[in-house]
Amino acid sequence: MTPVYSSGFQPNPLDTIDVLAFVLCSPNAFVPGGDKADMAAVVELIQPAKEEAIRRWQEARNQKMVS
């Protein structure tokens, strides 16, 4: 896992820790100082991305088990 403080950080969608860090990350991290409308927009956008991250991780994990 690449350190989070790295300017070039790109989460690995196959790495459990990276996926969990993204999924468990509060929407506040994406809207520092934002108002309620900003927060609602981020939640609306980020929730499907979190669900997709979990789906892809699970799919990759299942493929790895089959191989």
PDB file of N, CA and C in Angstrom:
ATOM      1  N   MET A   1       0.843  -1.174   0.000  1.00  0.00           N
ATOM      2  CA  MET A   1       0.000   0.000   0.000  1.00  0.00           C
ATOM      3  C   MET A   1       0.890   1.239   0.000  1.00  0.00           C
ATOM      4  N   THR A   2       0.588   2.167  -0.871  1.00  0.00           N
ATOM      5  CA  THR A   2       1.314   3.425  -0.953  1.00  0.00           C
ATOM      6  C   THR A   2       0.893   4.329   0.198  1.00  0.00           C
ATOM      7  N   PRO A   3       1.840   5.078   0.784  1.00  0.00           N
ATOM      8  CA  PRO A   3       1.452   5.990   1.864  1.00  0.00           C
ATOM      9  C   PRO A   3       0.402   6.987   1.394  1.00  0.00           C
ATOM     10  N   VAL A   4      -0.572   7.271   2.243  1.00  0.00           N
ATOM     11  CA  VAL A   4      -1.666   8.175   1.897  1.00  0.00           C
ATOM     12  C   VAL A   4      -1.167   9.591   1.649  1.00  0.00           C
ATOM     13  N   TYR A   5      -0.101   9.994   2.307  1.00  0.00           N
ATOM     14  CA  TYR A   5       0.394  11.359   2.176  1.00  0.00           C
ATOM     15  C   TYR A   5       1.139  11.605   0.872  1.00  0.00           C
ATOM     16  N   SER A   6       1.364  10.583   0.095  1.00  0.00           N
ATOM     17  CA  SER A   6       2.063  10.724  -1.175  1.00  0.00           C
ATOM     18  C   SER A   6       1.201  11.495  -2.169  1.00  0.00           C
ATOM     19  N   SER A   7       1.820  12.437  -2.866  1.00  0.00           N
ATOM     20  CA  SER A   7       1.058  13.219  -3.842  1.00  0.00           C
ATOM     21  C   SER A   7       0.624  12.367  -5.031  1.00  0.00           C
ATOM     22  N   GLY A   8       1.277  11.255  -5.252  1.00  0.00           N
ATOM     23  CA  GLY A   8       0.944  10.390  -6.376  1.00  0.00           C
ATOM     24  C   GLY A   8       0.146   9.167  -5.960  1.00  0.00           C
ATOM     25  N   PHE A   9      -0.480   9.214  -4.805  1.00  0.00           N
ATOM     26  CA  PHE A   9      -1.218   8.052  -4.292  1.00  0.00           C
ATOM     27  C   PHE A   9      -2.357   7.666  -5.222  1.00  0.00           C
ATOM     28  N   GLN A  10      -2.380   6.406  -5.576  1.00  0.00           N
ATOM     29  CA  GLN A  10      -3.482   5.844  -6.342  1.00  0.00           C
ATOM     30  C   GLN A  10      -3.859   4.533  -5.665  1.00  0.00           C
ATOM     31  N   PRO A  11      -5.078   4.455  -5.129  1.00  0.00           N
ATOM     32  CA  PRO A  11      -5.477   3.231  -4.442  1.00  0.00           C
ATOM     33  C   PRO A  11      -5.481   2.028  -5.381  1.00  0.00           C
ATOM     34  N   ASN A  12      -5.066   0.922  -4.845  1.00  0.00           N
ATOM     35  CA  ASN A  12      -5.079  -0.330  -5.594  1.00  0.00           C
ATOM     36  C   ASN A  12      -6.439  -0.990  -5.373  1.00  0.00           C
ATOM     37  N   PRO A  13      -7.261  -1.122  -6.406  1.00  0.00           N
ATOM     38  CA  PRO A  13      -8.604  -1.686  -6.229  1.00  0.00           C
ATOM     39  C   PRO A  13      -8.605  -3.158  -5.833  1.00  0.00           C
ATOM     40  N   LEU A  14      -7.446  -3.802  -5.858  1.00  0.00           N
ATOM     41  CA  LEU A  14      -7.367  -5.203  -5.470  1.00  0.00           C
ATOM     42  C   LEU A  14      -6.824  -5.379  -4.054  1.00  0.00           C
ATOM     43  N   ASP A  15      -6.358  -4.279  -3.452  1.00  0.00           N
ATOM     44  CA  ASP A  15      -5.767  -4.329  -2.123  1.00  0.00           C
ATOM     45  C   ASP A  15      -6.854  -4.085  -1.071  1.00  0.00           C
ATOM     46  N   THR A  16      -7.028  -5.025  -0.172  1.00  0.00           N
ATOM     47  CA  THR A  16      -8.080  -4.948   0.835  1.00  0.00           C
ATOM     48  C   THR A  16      -7.978  -3.670   1.655  1.00  0.00           C
ATOM     49  N   ILE A  17      -6.802  -3.312   2.080  1.00  0.00           N
ATOM     50  CA  ILE A  17      -6.627  -2.120   2.915  1.00  0.00           C
ATOM     51  C   ILE A  17      -6.994  -0.854   2.146  1.00  0.00           C
ATOM     52  N   ASP A  18      -6.585  -0.764   0.900  1.00  0.00           N
ATOM     53  CA  ASP A  18      -6.935   0.408   0.096  1.00  0.00           C
ATOM     54  C   ASP A  18      -8.445   0.525  -0.091  1.00  0.00           C
ATOM     55  N   VAL A  19      -9.096  -0.606  -0.364  1.00  0.00           N
ATOM     56  CA  VAL A  19     -10.550  -0.595  -0.560  1.00  0.00           C
ATOM     57  C   VAL A  19     -11.250  -0.212   0.740  1.00  0.00           C
ATOM     58  N   LEU A  20     -10.831  -0.792   1.847  1.00  0.00           N
ATOM     59  CA  LEU A  20     -11.444  -0.456   3.130  1.00  0.00           C
ATOM     60  C   LEU A  20     -11.224   1.010   3.493  1.00  0.00           C
ATOM     61  N   ALA A  21     -10.040   1.522   3.232  1.00  0.00           N
ATOM     62  CA  ALA A  21      -9.757   2.928   3.532  1.00  0.00           C
ATOM     63  C   ALA A  21     -10.707   3.833   2.762  1.00  0.00           C
ATOM     64  N   PHE A  22     -10.955   3.511   1.507  1.00  0.00           N
ATOM     65  CA  PHE A  22     -11.873   4.309   0.699  1.00  0.00           C
ATOM     66  C   PHE A  22     -13.307   4.160   1.187  1.00  0.00           C
ATOM     67  N   VAL A  23     -13.732   2.932   1.408  1.00  0.00           N
ATOM     68  CA  VAL A  23     -15.118   2.659   1.790  1.00  0.00           C
ATOM     69  C   VAL A  23     -15.444   3.258   3.160  1.00  0.00           C
ATOM     70  N   LEU A  24     -14.509   3.195   4.089  1.00  0.00           N
ATOM     71  CA  LEU A  24     -14.758   3.692   5.437  1.00  0.00           C
ATOM     72  C   LEU A  24     -14.487   5.184   5.589  1.00  0.00           C
ATOM     73  N   CYS A  25     -13.938   5.794   4.570  1.00  0.00           N
ATOM     74  CA  CYS A  25     -13.628   7.222   4.617  1.00  0.00           C
ATOM     75  C   CYS A  25     -14.923   8.039   4.668  1.00  0.00           C
ATOM     76  N   SER A  26     -14.956   8.960   5.583  1.00  0.00           N
ATOM     77  CA  SER A  26     -16.127   9.823   5.735  1.00  0.00           C
ATOM     78  C   SER A  26     -16.267  10.756   4.534  1.00  0.00           C
ATOM     79  N   PRO A  27     -17.477  11.021   4.111  1.00  0.00           N
ATOM     80  CA  PRO A  27     -17.675  11.992   3.019  1.00  0.00           C
ATOM     81  C   PRO A  27     -17.101  13.374   3.348  1.00  0.00           C
ATOM     82  N   ASN A  28     -16.958  13.666   4.644  1.00  0.00           N
ATOM     83  CA  ASN A  28     -16.365  14.947   5.045  1.00  0.00           C
ATOM     84  C   ASN A  28     -14.959  15.134   4.485  1.00  0.00           C
ATOM     85  N   ALA A  29     -14.260  14.035   4.258  1.00  0.00           N
ATOM     86  CA  ALA A  29     -12.904  14.122   3.715  1.00  0.00           C
ATOM     87  C   ALA A  29     -12.894  14.678   2.293  1.00  0.00           C
ATOM     88  N   PHE A  30     -14.003  14.519   1.590  1.00  0.00           N
ATOM     89  CA  PHE A  30     -14.101  14.977   0.211  1.00  0.00           C
ATOM     90  C   PHE A  30     -14.685  16.379   0.090  1.00  0.00           C
ATOM     91  N   VAL A  31     -15.217  16.898   1.204  1.00  0.00           N
ATOM     92  CA  VAL A  31     -15.862  18.217   1.186  1.00  0.00           C
ATOM     93  C   VAL A  31     -15.421  19.027   2.412  1.00  0.00           C
ATOM     94  N   PRO A  32     -14.122  19.266   2.551  1.00  0.00           N
ATOM     95  CA  PRO A  32     -13.713  20.035   3.730  1.00  0.00           C
ATOM     96  C   PRO A  32     -14.296  21.454   3.664  1.00  0.00           C
ATOM     97  N   GLY A  33     -15.032  21.806   4.680  1.00  0.00           N
ATOM     98  CA  GLY A  33     -15.599  23.150   4.733  1.00  0.00           C
ATOM     99  C   GLY A  33     -16.816  23.358   3.853  1.00  0.00           C
ATOM    100  N   GLY A  34     -17.345  22.294   3.277  1.00  0.00           N
ATOM    101  CA  GLY A  34     -18.502  22.426   2.390  1.00  0.00           C
ATOM    102  C   GLY A  34     -19.797  22.587   3.171  1.00  0.00           C
ATOM    103  N   ASP A  35     -20.801  23.077   2.500  1.00  0.00           N
ATOM    104  CA  ASP A  35     -22.105  23.237   3.140  1.00  0.00           C
ATOM    105  C   ASP A  35     -22.926  21.962   2.972  1.00  0.00           C
ATOM    106  N   LYS A  36     -24.169  21.987   3.443  1.00  0.00           N
ATOM    107  CA  LYS A  36     -25.024  20.796   3.384  1.00  0.00           C
ATOM    108  C   LYS A  36     -25.310  20.345   1.956  1.00  0.00           C
ATOM    109  N   ALA A  37     -25.465  21.289   1.043  1.00  0.00           N
ATOM    110  CA  ALA A  37     -25.724  20.931  -0.358  1.00  0.00           C
ATOM    111  C   ALA A  37     -24.509  20.228  -0.968  1.00  0.00           C
ATOM    112  N   ASP A  38     -23.313  20.744  -0.658  1.00  0.00           N
ATOM    113  CA  ASP A  38     -22.085  20.101  -1.146  1.00  0.00           C
ATOM    114  C   ASP A  38     -21.975  18.684  -0.591  1.00  0.00           C
ATOM    115  N   MET A  39     -22.250  18.556   0.703  1.00  0.00           N
ATOM    116  CA  MET A  39     -22.149  17.242   1.345  1.00  0.00           C
ATOM    117  C   MET A  39     -23.145  16.263   0.731  1.00  0.00           C
ATOM    118  N   ALA A  40     -24.360  16.709   0.493  1.00  0.00           N
ATOM    119  CA  ALA A  40     -25.372  15.838  -0.101  1.00  0.00           C
ATOM    120  C   ALA A  40     -24.945  15.389  -1.497  1.00  0.00           C
ATOM    121  N   ALA A  41     -24.360  16.296  -2.259  1.00  0.00           N
ATOM    122  CA  ALA A  41     -23.895  15.941  -3.605  1.00  0.00           C
ATOM    123  C   ALA A  41     -22.767  14.919  -3.544  1.00  0.00           C
ATOM    124  N   VAL A  42     -21.845  15.100  -2.615  1.00  0.00           N
ATOM    125  CA  VAL A  42     -20.730  14.164  -2.483  1.00  0.00           C
ATOM    126  C   VAL A  42     -21.232  12.796  -2.049  1.00  0.00           C
ATOM    127  N   VAL A  43     -22.137  12.767  -1.089  1.00  0.00           N
ATOM    128  CA  VAL A  43     -22.686  11.488  -0.631  1.00  0.00           C
ATOM    129  C   VAL A  43     -23.376  10.769  -1.792  1.00  0.00           C
ATOM    130  N   GLU A  44     -24.123  11.509  -2.573  1.00  0.00           N
ATOM    131  CA  GLU A  44     -24.831  10.918  -3.715  1.00  0.00           C
ATOM    132  C   GLU A  44     -23.863  10.336  -4.743  1.00  0.00           C
ATOM    133  N   LEU A  45     -22.739  10.995  -4.935  1.00  0.00           N
ATOM    134  CA  LEU A  45     -21.752  10.529  -5.917  1.00  0.00           C
ATOM    135  C   LEU A  45     -20.839   9.442  -5.366  1.00  0.00           C
ATOM    136  N   ILE A  46     -20.457   9.569  -4.105  1.00  0.00           N
ATOM    137  CA  ILE A  46     -19.440   8.681  -3.555  1.00  0.00           C
ATOM    138  C   ILE A  46     -20.006   7.317  -3.158  1.00  0.00           C
ATOM    139  N   GLN A  47     -21.268   7.253  -2.760  1.00  0.00           N
ATOM    140  CA  GLN A  47     -21.838   5.971  -2.329  1.00  0.00           C
ATOM    141  C   GLN A  47     -21.804   4.916  -3.445  1.00  0.00           C
ATOM    142  N   PRO A  48     -22.231   5.245  -4.658  1.00  0.00           N
ATOM    143  CA  PRO A  48     -22.123   4.239  -5.729  1.00  0.00           C
ATOM    144  C   PRO A  48     -20.668   3.849  -6.022  1.00  0.00           C
ATOM    145  N   ALA A  49     -19.751   4.792  -5.884  1.00  0.00           N
ATOM    146  CA  ALA A  49     -18.330   4.483  -6.110  1.00  0.00           C
ATOM    147  C   ALA A  49     -17.817   3.526  -5.038  1.00  0.00           C
ATOM    148  N   LYS A  50     -18.252   3.709  -3.816  1.00  0.00           N
ATOM    149  CA  LYS A  50     -17.860   2.797  -2.737  1.00  0.00           C
ATOM    150  C   LYS A  50     -18.425   1.401  -2.988  1.00  0.00           C
ATOM    151  N   GLU A  51     -19.675   1.337  -3.400  1.00  0.00           N
ATOM    152  CA  GLU A  51     -20.288   0.045  -3.695  1.00  0.00           C
ATOM    153  C   GLU A  51     -19.575  -0.652  -4.851  1.00  0.00           C
ATOM    154  N   GLU A  52     -19.195   0.105  -5.848  1.00  0.00           N
ATOM    155  CA  GLU A  52     -18.461  -0.457  -6.994  1.00  0.00           C
ATOM    156  C   GLU A  52     -17.080  -0.937  -6.572  1.00  0.00           C
ATOM    157  N   ALA A  53     -16.427  -0.201  -5.693  1.00  0.00           N
ATOM    158  CA  ALA A  53     -15.110  -0.616  -5.196  1.00  0.00           C
ATOM    159  C   ALA A  53     -15.206  -1.955  -4.481  1.00  0.00           C
ATOM    160  N   ILE A  54     -16.233  -2.117  -3.681  1.00  0.00           N
ATOM    161  CA  ILE A  54     -16.436  -3.387  -2.971  1.00  0.00           C
ATOM    162  C   ILE A  54     -16.729  -4.505  -3.963  1.00  0.00           C
ATOM    163  N   ARG A  55     -17.582  -4.228  -4.937  1.00  0.00           N
ATOM    164  CA  ARG A  55     -17.933  -5.245  -5.935  1.00  0.00           C
ATOM    165  C   ARG A  55     -16.696  -5.711  -6.700  1.00  0.00           C
ATOM    166  N   ARG A  56     -15.887  -4.748  -7.139  1.00  0.00           N
ATOM    167  CA  ARG A  56     -14.678  -5.105  -7.901  1.00  0.00           C
ATOM    168  C   ARG A  56     -13.673  -5.871  -7.054  1.00  0.00           C
ATOM    169  N   TRP A  57     -13.518  -5.457  -5.803  1.00  0.00           N
ATOM    170  CA  TRP A  57     -12.596  -6.156  -4.913  1.00  0.00           C
ATOM    171  C   TRP A  57     -13.068  -7.588  -4.700  1.00  0.00           C
ATOM    172  N   GLN A  58     -14.372  -7.746  -4.446  1.00  0.00           N
ATOM    173  CA  GLN A  58     -14.926  -9.080  -4.220  1.00  0.00           C
ATOM    174  C   GLN A  58     -14.776  -9.957  -5.464  1.00  0.00           C
ATOM    175  N   GLU A  59     -15.022  -9.374  -6.616  1.00  0.00           N
ATOM    176  CA  GLU A  59     -14.876 -10.112  -7.870  1.00  0.00           C
ATOM    177  C   GLU A  59     -13.425 -10.562  -8.070  1.00  0.00           C
ATOM    178  N   ALA A  60     -12.480  -9.676  -7.822  1.00  0.00           N
ATOM    179  CA  ALA A  60     -11.063 -10.019  -7.970  1.00  0.00           C
ATOM    180  C   ALA A  60     -10.658 -11.083  -6.956  1.00  0.00           C
ATOM    181  N   ARG A  61     -11.180 -10.982  -5.747  1.00  0.00           N
ATOM    182  CA  ARG A  61     -10.890 -11.967  -4.710  1.00  0.00           C
ATOM    183  C   ARG A  61     -11.424 -13.343  -5.106  1.00  0.00           C
ATOM    184  N   ASN A  62     -12.633 -13.378  -5.634  1.00  0.00           N
ATOM    185  CA  ASN A  62     -13.219 -14.641  -6.078  1.00  0.00           C
ATOM    186  C   ASN A  62     -12.419 -15.234  -7.238  1.00  0.00           C
ATOM    187  N   GLN A  63     -11.989 -14.407  -8.174  1.00  0.00           N
ATOM    188  CA  GLN A  63     -11.165 -14.879  -9.300  1.00  0.00           C
ATOM    189  C   GLN A  63      -9.852 -15.476  -8.797  1.00  0.00           C
ATOM    190  N   LYS A  64      -9.273 -14.836  -7.804  1.00  0.00           N
ATOM    191  CA  LYS A  64      -7.999 -15.300  -7.244  1.00  0.00           C
ATOM    192  C   LYS A  64      -8.187 -16.666  -6.586  1.00  0.00           C
ATOM    193  N   MET A  65      -9.324 -16.867  -5.940  1.00  0.00           N
ATOM    194  CA  MET A  65      -9.597 -18.154  -5.274  1.00  0.00           C
ATOM    195  C   MET A  65      -9.775 -19.274  -6.292  1.00  0.00           C
ATOM    196  N   VAL A  66     -10.364 -18.944  -7.435  1.00  0.00           N
ATOM    197  CA  VAL A  66     -10.623 -19.937  -8.485  1.00  0.00           C
ATOM    198  C   VAL A  66      -9.316 -20.327  -9.182  1.00  0.00           C
ATOM    199  N   SER A  67      -8.424 -19.377  -9.323  1.00  0.00           N
ATOM    200  CA  SER A  67      -7.162 -19.626 -10.062  1.00  0.00           C
ATOM    201  C   SER A  67      -6.224 -20.542  -9.326  1.00  0.00           C
TER     202      SER A  67
END
